Amino acid sequence: MPLNLTQAQTQEGQLSSEVVEERKQMIADFENKYFKLSTLLKDRLLVTTDERFTNKLNEMTYYATNGSVYTFAK
C-alpha cells in the first residue's frame, strides 16, 4: 500500500520550516523560469531528501534547457 505524504514525513523525520520555505522558493523560481509543476510533484519534492531534491531539480532544469522527449504545457 503506498504511503501518503504525512507518513513519508514521519518516517524520514520532520524537515525544518526553513528548509521547506527554501525549497518552496526554489520551486517557485523554477516555475517562473521554465514551466509549472504539478501539485503532487511539488508536495513530494518538499518531503524528499536533500540529495533527491537537488537531483530532481537539476534533471528538470537540464530537460527544460536542452529539450526532452517530454512536452510541457506553458
Protein backbone atom coordinates (compact mmCIF):
# COMPACT_ATOMS: atom_id res chain seq x y z
CA MET A 1 0.00 0.00 0.00
CA PRO A 2 1.53 3.37 -0.95
CA LEU A 3 2.46 5.85 1.74
CA ASN A 4 0.81 9.22 1.89
CA LEU A 5 2.89 12.36 2.40
CA THR A 6 2.22 12.52 6.14
CA GLN A 7 3.53 9.00 6.63
CA ALA A 8 6.58 9.77 4.49
CA GLN A 9 7.37 12.84 6.57
CA THR A 10 7.04 10.84 9.79
CA GLN A 11 9.37 8.11 8.52
CA GLU A 12 12.06 10.49 7.25
CA GLY A 13 11.76 12.91 10.14
CA GLN A 14 10.37 16.39 10.06
CA LEU A 15 12.12 18.91 7.85
CA SER A 16 12.72 22.30 9.39
CA SER A 17 10.42 25.08 8.31
CA GLU A 18 13.46 26.92 6.92
CA VAL A 19 14.25 24.01 4.58
CA VAL A 20 10.64 23.77 3.43
CA GLU A 21 10.45 27.53 2.75
CA GLU A 22 13.77 27.44 0.88
CA ARG A 23 12.54 24.55 -1.28
CA LYS A 24 9.22 26.32 -1.96
CA GLN A 25 11.18 29.36 -3.15
CA MET A 26 13.41 27.23 -5.39
CA ILE A 27 10.34 25.52 -6.87
CA ALA A 28 8.65 28.89 -7.45
CA ASP A 29 11.80 30.21 -9.16
CA PHE A 30 11.92 27.13 -11.38
CA GLU A 31 8.26 27.52 -12.31
CA ASN A 32 8.72 31.19 -13.14
CA LYS A 33 11.74 30.48 -15.33
CA TYR A 34 10.70 27.26 -17.09
CA PHE A 35 7.30 25.62 -16.59
CA LYS A 36 4.67 24.83 -13.95
CA LEU A 37 4.91 21.67 -11.89
CA SER A 38 2.06 19.51 -10.70
CA THR A 39 0.88 19.84 -7.12
CA LEU A 40 1.77 16.21 -6.46
CA LEU A 41 5.35 16.69 -7.68
CA LYS A 42 5.76 19.86 -5.60
CA ASP A 43 4.44 18.08 -2.49
CA ARG A 44 6.81 15.17 -3.00
CA LEU A 45 9.77 17.48 -3.58
CA LEU A 46 9.07 19.15 -0.25
CA VAL A 47 9.34 15.91 1.76
CA THR A 48 12.21 14.14 -0.03
CA THR A 49 15.86 14.09 0.98
CA ASP A 50 18.16 16.97 0.09
CA GLU A 51 20.07 14.83 -2.38
CA ARG A 52 16.97 13.68 -4.24
CA PHE A 53 15.54 17.21 -4.27
CA THR A 54 18.73 18.59 -5.80
CA ASN A 55 19.00 15.76 -8.33
CA LYS A 56 15.38 16.14 -9.46
CA LEU A 57 15.67 19.93 -9.84
CA ASN A 58 18.91 19.52 -11.80
CA GLU A 59 17.30 16.89 -14.03
CA MET A 60 14.26 19.07 -14.73
CA THR A 61 16.48 22.09 -15.42
CA TYR A 62 18.56 20.05 -17.86
CA TYR A 63 15.49 18.92 -19.79
CA ALA A 64 13.95 22.40 -19.70
CA THR A 65 17.08 24.00 -21.18
CA ASN A 66 18.28 21.24 -23.53
CA GLY A 67 14.97 19.84 -24.69
CA SER A 68 13.50 16.49 -23.84
CA VAL A 69 11.23 13.77 -25.05
CA TYR A 70 8.50 15.22 -22.83
CA THR A 71 6.14 18.00 -23.82
CA PHE A 72 5.43 20.57 -21.12
CA ALA A 73 2.49 22.93 -21.16
CA LYS A 74 3.43 26.56 -20.72
